[in-house]
Amino acid sequence: MQRSQLTMVEWPLARKRATGTGTGIGLAVGALSGAVLGAVSGDDCSGGEWLCFSQEQLALVGAVALGAIGASVGGTIGYFSHVTVWEKANDAGSSLTIRPRVGLGTLGLAGSFRF
């Protein structure tokens, strides 16, 4: 492949854990699932029980409970998953830079090559 055919060059900059992303996805999926399950289960107040929950309360409890479980599971999966962060290469072309280097009692040249 010739250089003129390249449209973009990237190189890996760093690898990081996906803990935050996994936690967020797990929280969203768990909370949504818990809210739906709590809402479709209906009212729990069918008889003369001393403890009963409305449909809205069950949806809230389901969202909180399954959201916490989902966030924990998602965060754990994200912790063990790695994401590579890519950086776009500078497209200014090749260059060679040479400059003087002066130190205490020394004199020299320093150079860098960029491609």
N, C-alpha and C. Protein backbone atom coordinates (compact mmCIF):
# COMPACT_ATOMS: atom_id res chain seq x y z
N MET A 1 0.85 -1.17 0.00
CA MET A 1 0.00 0.00 0.00
C MET A 1 0.90 1.24 0.00
N GLN A 2 0.57 2.17 -0.82
CA GLN A 2 1.35 3.40 -0.89
C GLN A 2 0.82 4.40 0.12
N ARG A 3 1.71 5.28 0.55
CA ARG A 3 1.34 6.28 1.53
C ARG A 3 0.21 7.18 1.03
N SER A 4 0.17 7.45 -0.25
CA SER A 4 -0.88 8.32 -0.79
C SER A 4 -2.26 7.68 -0.70
N GLN A 5 -2.33 6.36 -0.51
CA GLN A 5 -3.61 5.67 -0.40
C GLN A 5 -4.15 5.65 1.03
N LEU A 6 -3.32 6.00 1.99
CA LEU A 6 -3.77 6.02 3.38
C LEU A 6 -4.70 7.20 3.63
N THR A 7 -5.77 6.95 4.32
CA THR A 7 -6.68 8.03 4.69
C THR A 7 -6.50 8.45 6.14
N MET A 8 -6.07 7.52 7.00
CA MET A 8 -5.87 7.86 8.40
C MET A 8 -4.97 6.79 9.04
N VAL A 9 -4.12 7.23 9.94
CA VAL A 9 -3.25 6.32 10.67
C VAL A 9 -3.50 6.55 12.15
N GLU A 10 -3.72 5.45 12.89
CA GLU A 10 -3.92 5.53 14.34
C GLU A 10 -2.99 4.54 15.00
N TRP A 11 -2.65 4.82 16.25
CA TRP A 11 -1.88 3.88 17.04
C TRP A 11 -2.46 3.83 18.43
N PRO A 12 -2.26 2.69 19.11
CA PRO A 12 -2.84 2.58 20.45
C PRO A 12 -2.13 3.49 21.44
N LEU A 13 -2.92 4.27 22.15
CA LEU A 13 -2.38 5.22 23.12
C LEU A 13 -2.34 4.59 24.52
N ALA A 14 -3.41 3.91 24.90
CA ALA A 14 -3.48 3.33 26.23
C ALA A 14 -4.56 2.26 26.26
N ARG A 15 -4.47 1.41 27.26
CA ARG A 15 -5.53 0.43 27.54
C ARG A 15 -6.13 0.78 28.89
N LYS A 16 -7.43 0.80 28.96
CA LYS A 16 -8.08 1.11 30.23
C LYS A 16 -9.19 0.12 30.49
N ARG A 17 -9.58 0.04 31.74
CA ARG A 17 -10.67 -0.85 32.13
C ARG A 17 -12.00 -0.18 31.80
N ALA A 18 -13.01 -0.99 31.55
CA ALA A 18 -14.34 -0.49 31.20
C ALA A 18 -15.30 -0.60 32.39
N THR A 19 -14.79 -0.36 33.60
CA THR A 19 -15.61 -0.50 34.80
C THR A 19 -16.80 0.45 34.80
N GLY A 20 -16.57 1.71 34.49
CA GLY A 20 -17.65 2.70 34.50
C GLY A 20 -18.72 2.40 33.46
N THR A 21 -18.30 2.02 32.28
CA THR A 21 -19.26 1.69 31.22
C THR A 21 -20.07 0.46 31.60
N GLY A 22 -19.40 -0.56 32.12
CA GLY A 22 -20.12 -1.76 32.54
C GLY A 22 -21.10 -1.50 33.66
N THR A 23 -20.69 -0.65 34.62
CA THR A 23 -21.59 -0.31 35.73
C THR A 23 -22.82 0.44 35.22
N GLY A 24 -22.60 1.37 34.32
CA GLY A 24 -23.72 2.15 33.77
C GLY A 24 -24.69 1.29 32.99
N ILE A 25 -24.16 0.42 32.15
CA ILE A 25 -25.03 -0.45 31.36
C ILE A 25 -25.78 -1.42 32.28
N GLY A 26 -25.09 -2.01 33.25
CA GLY A 26 -25.74 -2.92 34.19
C GLY A 26 -26.82 -2.23 35.01
N LEU A 27 -26.54 -1.00 35.45
CA LEU A 27 -27.54 -0.24 36.20
C LEU A 27 -28.78 0.04 35.36
N ALA A 28 -28.56 0.47 34.12
CA ALA A 28 -29.70 0.79 33.25
C ALA A 28 -30.54 -0.44 32.95
N VAL A 29 -29.89 -1.54 32.59
CA VAL A 29 -30.63 -2.77 32.27
C VAL A 29 -31.34 -3.31 33.50
N GLY A 30 -30.65 -3.33 34.64
CA GLY A 30 -31.26 -3.84 35.86
C GLY A 30 -32.42 -3.00 36.34
N ALA A 31 -32.25 -1.67 36.33
CA ALA A 31 -33.32 -0.79 36.79
C ALA A 31 -34.54 -0.87 35.88
N LEU A 32 -34.30 -0.90 34.58
CA LEU A 32 -35.43 -1.00 33.64
C LEU A 32 -36.14 -2.34 33.80
N SER A 33 -35.38 -3.41 33.93
CA SER A 33 -36.00 -4.74 34.12
C SER A 33 -36.78 -4.81 35.42
N GLY A 34 -36.20 -4.27 36.48
CA GLY A 34 -36.89 -4.29 37.77
C GLY A 34 -38.16 -3.46 37.77
N ALA A 35 -38.12 -2.31 37.10
CA ALA A 35 -39.32 -1.47 37.03
C ALA A 35 -40.42 -2.15 36.23
N VAL A 36 -40.05 -2.77 35.13
CA VAL A 36 -41.05 -3.47 34.31
C VAL A 36 -41.63 -4.65 35.08
N LEU A 37 -40.78 -5.46 35.69
CA LEU A 37 -41.28 -6.61 36.45
C LEU A 37 -42.16 -6.17 37.62
N GLY A 38 -41.77 -5.11 38.30
CA GLY A 38 -42.59 -4.62 39.41
C GLY A 38 -43.92 -4.06 38.94
N ALA A 39 -43.91 -3.39 37.78
CA ALA A 39 -45.14 -2.79 37.27
C ALA A 39 -46.11 -3.85 36.77
N VAL A 40 -45.62 -4.89 36.11
CA VAL A 40 -46.53 -5.90 35.57
C VAL A 40 -47.03 -6.86 36.64
N SER A 41 -46.38 -6.87 37.80
CA SER A 41 -46.84 -7.78 38.84
C SER A 41 -48.13 -7.29 39.50
N GLY A 42 -48.45 -6.03 39.33
CA GLY A 42 -49.72 -5.52 39.85
C GLY A 42 -49.67 -5.21 41.33
N ASP A 43 -50.82 -4.83 41.87
CA ASP A 43 -50.92 -4.51 43.28
C ASP A 43 -50.82 -5.77 44.13
N ASP A 44 -50.23 -5.60 45.27
CA ASP A 44 -50.04 -6.71 46.20
C ASP A 44 -51.10 -6.66 47.31
N CYS A 45 -52.03 -5.77 47.22
CA CYS A 45 -53.02 -5.55 48.28
C CYS A 45 -54.33 -6.24 47.93
N SER A 46 -54.34 -7.57 47.94
CA SER A 46 -55.55 -8.30 47.56
C SER A 46 -56.45 -8.60 48.75
N GLY A 47 -55.89 -8.71 49.91
CA GLY A 47 -56.70 -9.05 51.07
C GLY A 47 -56.44 -8.08 52.20
N GLY A 48 -56.62 -8.55 53.39
CA GLY A 48 -56.44 -7.70 54.55
C GLY A 48 -55.06 -7.82 55.16
N GLU A 49 -54.02 -7.95 54.32
CA GLU A 49 -52.66 -8.06 54.86
C GLU A 49 -52.26 -6.76 55.52
N TRP A 50 -51.41 -6.87 56.49
CA TRP A 50 -50.93 -5.67 57.17
C TRP A 50 -49.81 -5.01 56.38
N LEU A 51 -49.20 -5.74 55.44
CA LEU A 51 -48.14 -5.19 54.60
C LEU A 51 -48.49 -5.44 53.15
N CYS A 52 -48.74 -4.37 52.42
CA CYS A 52 -49.03 -4.52 51.00
C CYS A 52 -48.39 -3.37 50.24
N PHE A 53 -48.10 -3.61 48.97
CA PHE A 53 -47.44 -2.62 48.13
C PHE A 53 -48.28 -2.33 46.90
N SER A 54 -48.28 -1.08 46.50
CA SER A 54 -48.98 -0.71 45.26
C SER A 54 -48.11 -1.07 44.06
N GLN A 55 -48.69 -0.97 42.89
CA GLN A 55 -47.96 -1.28 41.66
C GLN A 55 -46.77 -0.34 41.49
N GLU A 56 -46.94 0.94 41.80
CA GLU A 56 -45.86 1.92 41.68
C GLU A 56 -44.72 1.62 42.66
N GLN A 57 -45.10 1.23 43.89
CA GLN A 57 -44.08 0.90 44.88
C GLN A 57 -43.29 -0.34 44.49
N LEU A 58 -43.97 -1.36 43.94
CA LEU A 58 -43.27 -2.55 43.48
C LEU A 58 -42.34 -2.23 42.32
N ALA A 59 -42.76 -1.34 41.44
CA ALA A 59 -41.90 -0.94 40.33
C ALA A 59 -40.65 -0.23 40.85
N LEU A 60 -40.81 0.63 41.85
CA LEU A 60 -39.68 1.35 42.42
C LEU A 60 -38.72 0.40 43.13
N VAL A 61 -39.27 -0.49 43.94
CA VAL A 61 -38.43 -1.46 44.66
C VAL A 61 -37.71 -2.37 43.67
N GLY A 62 -38.41 -2.81 42.64
CA GLY A 62 -37.77 -3.66 41.62
C GLY A 62 -36.66 -2.94 40.89
N ALA A 63 -36.89 -1.66 40.56
CA ALA A 63 -35.87 -0.87 39.86
C ALA A 63 -34.64 -0.69 40.73
N VAL A 64 -34.83 -0.38 42.00
CA VAL A 64 -33.69 -0.17 42.91
C VAL A 64 -32.93 -1.49 43.13
N ALA A 65 -33.66 -2.56 43.41
CA ALA A 65 -33.02 -3.84 43.72
C ALA A 65 -32.28 -4.40 42.52
N LEU A 66 -32.97 -4.52 41.38
CA LEU A 66 -32.31 -5.08 40.20
C LEU A 66 -31.30 -4.11 39.60
N GLY A 67 -31.50 -2.80 39.81
CA GLY A 67 -30.50 -1.83 39.37
C GLY A 67 -29.19 -1.99 40.11
N ALA A 68 -29.28 -2.22 41.43
CA ALA A 68 -28.06 -2.43 42.22
C ALA A 68 -27.35 -3.72 41.83
N ILE A 69 -28.13 -4.77 41.61
CA ILE A 69 -27.54 -6.04 41.19
C ILE A 69 -26.91 -5.89 39.81
N GLY A 70 -27.62 -5.24 38.89
CA GLY A 70 -27.10 -5.04 37.54
C GLY A 70 -25.84 -4.20 37.53
N ALA A 71 -25.80 -3.15 38.37
CA ALA A 71 -24.60 -2.31 38.44
C ALA A 71 -23.42 -3.10 38.97
N SER A 72 -23.64 -3.96 39.94
CA SER A 72 -22.57 -4.79 40.50
C SER A 72 -22.03 -5.78 39.46
N VAL A 73 -22.94 -6.46 38.79
CA VAL A 73 -22.53 -7.44 37.78
C VAL A 73 -21.85 -6.73 36.62
N GLY A 74 -22.43 -5.63 36.14
CA GLY A 74 -21.85 -4.89 35.03
C GLY A 74 -20.49 -4.30 35.37
N GLY A 75 -20.34 -3.79 36.57
CA GLY A 75 -19.05 -3.25 37.00
C GLY A 75 -17.99 -4.32 37.09
N THR A 76 -18.37 -5.50 37.56
CA THR A 76 -17.42 -6.61 37.64
C THR A 76 -16.97 -7.05 36.25
N ILE A 77 -17.93 -7.18 35.34
CA ILE A 77 -17.58 -7.55 33.97
C ILE A 77 -16.72 -6.46 33.34
N GLY A 78 -17.07 -5.21 33.55
CA GLY A 78 -16.29 -4.11 33.00
C GLY A 78 -14.89 -4.03 33.56
N TYR A 79 -14.72 -4.41 34.82
CA TYR A 79 -13.41 -4.39 35.44
C TYR A 79 -12.44 -5.34 34.73
N PHE A 80 -12.96 -6.47 34.31
CA PHE A 80 -12.12 -7.46 33.65
C PHE A 80 -12.07 -7.28 32.13
N SER A 81 -12.79 -6.30 31.60
CA SER A 81 -12.76 -6.00 30.17
C SER A 81 -11.87 -4.78 29.95
N HIS A 82 -11.08 -4.81 28.91
CA HIS A 82 -10.18 -3.71 28.61
C HIS A 82 -10.57 -3.06 27.28
N VAL A 83 -10.42 -1.76 27.24
CA VAL A 83 -10.70 -0.99 26.04
C VAL A 83 -9.41 -0.31 25.62
N THR A 84 -9.09 -0.37 24.33
CA THR A 84 -7.90 0.30 23.83
C THR A 84 -8.28 1.69 23.34
N VAL A 85 -7.58 2.69 23.83
CA VAL A 85 -7.80 4.08 23.40
C VAL A 85 -6.83 4.35 22.25
N TRP A 86 -7.38 4.78 21.11
CA TRP A 86 -6.57 5.03 19.92
C TRP A 86 -6.37 6.52 19.73
N GLU A 87 -5.21 6.87 19.19
CA GLU A 87 -4.90 8.27 18.91
C GLU A 87 -4.60 8.40 17.42
N LYS A 88 -5.15 9.44 16.82
CA LYS A 88 -4.90 9.68 15.41
C LYS A 88 -3.48 10.20 15.23
N ALA A 89 -2.77 9.64 14.26
CA ALA A 89 -1.41 10.07 14.00
C ALA A 89 -1.42 11.46 13.36
N ASN A 90 -0.38 12.21 13.62
CA ASN A 90 -0.25 13.54 13.04
C ASN A 90 -0.06 13.39 11.53
N ASP A 91 -0.88 14.06 10.75
CA ASP A 91 -0.80 13.92 9.30
C ASP A 91 -0.04 15.06 8.64
N ALA A 92 0.87 15.68 9.37
CA ALA A 92 1.65 16.78 8.81
C ALA A 92 2.76 16.28 7.89
N GLY A 93 2.99 14.99 7.80
CA GLY A 93 4.04 14.45 6.96
C GLY A 93 5.29 14.18 7.77
N SER A 94 6.29 13.67 7.10
CA SER A 94 7.55 13.35 7.76
C SER A 94 8.36 14.62 8.00
N SER A 95 9.10 14.62 9.08
CA SER A 95 9.97 15.76 9.35
C SER A 95 11.14 15.30 10.20
N LEU A 96 12.24 15.99 10.04
CA LEU A 96 13.45 15.74 10.81
C LEU A 96 13.82 17.06 11.48
N THR A 97 13.98 17.03 12.79
CA THR A 97 14.32 18.24 13.54
C THR A 97 15.63 18.00 14.26
N ILE A 98 16.57 18.91 14.06
CA ILE A 98 17.85 18.86 14.77
C ILE A 98 18.04 20.21 15.43
N ARG A 99 18.36 20.21 16.72
CA ARG A 99 18.56 21.46 17.45
C ARG A 99 19.75 21.30 18.38
N PRO A 100 20.36 22.42 18.70
CA PRO A 100 21.51 22.33 19.62
C PRO A 100 21.05 22.00 21.03
N ARG A 101 21.90 21.29 21.73
CA ARG A 101 21.61 20.93 23.12
C ARG A 101 22.78 21.43 23.96
N VAL A 102 22.48 22.35 24.84
CA VAL A 102 23.51 22.97 25.67
C VAL A 102 23.21 22.62 27.12
N GLY A 103 24.21 22.09 27.78
CA GLY A 103 24.07 21.75 29.18
C GLY A 103 25.25 22.31 29.95
N LEU A 104 25.30 22.06 31.22
CA LEU A 104 26.38 22.53 32.07
C LEU A 104 27.68 21.82 31.67
N GLY A 105 28.52 22.54 30.97
CA GLY A 105 29.80 21.98 30.54
C GLY A 105 29.71 21.07 29.33
N THR A 106 28.54 20.97 28.67
CA THR A 106 28.41 20.09 27.50
C THR A 106 27.75 20.84 26.36
N LEU A 107 28.03 20.40 25.18
CA LEU A 107 27.43 20.95 23.97
C LEU A 107 27.18 19.78 23.02
N GLY A 108 25.99 19.74 22.44
CA GLY A 108 25.70 18.64 21.55
C GLY A 108 24.51 18.94 20.67
N LEU A 109 24.02 17.92 19.99
CA LEU A 109 22.86 18.04 19.11
C LEU A 109 21.78 17.06 19.58
N ALA A 110 20.55 17.48 19.43
CA ALA A 110 19.41 16.61 19.72
C ALA A 110 18.54 16.58 18.48
N GLY A 111 18.00 15.45 18.16
CA GLY A 111 17.18 15.35 16.95
C GLY A 111 15.97 14.48 17.18
N SER A 112 14.99 14.69 16.32
CA SER A 112 13.80 13.86 16.35
C SER A 112 13.30 13.67 14.93
N PHE A 113 12.76 12.50 14.68
CA PHE A 113 12.21 12.18 13.38
C PHE A 113 10.74 11.83 13.56
N ARG A 114 9.89 12.49 12.80
CA ARG A 114 8.44 12.27 12.89
C ARG A 114 7.96 11.78 11.54
N PHE A 115 7.15 10.74 11.58
CA PHE A 115 6.58 10.22 10.33
C PHE A 115 5.12 9.96 10.49
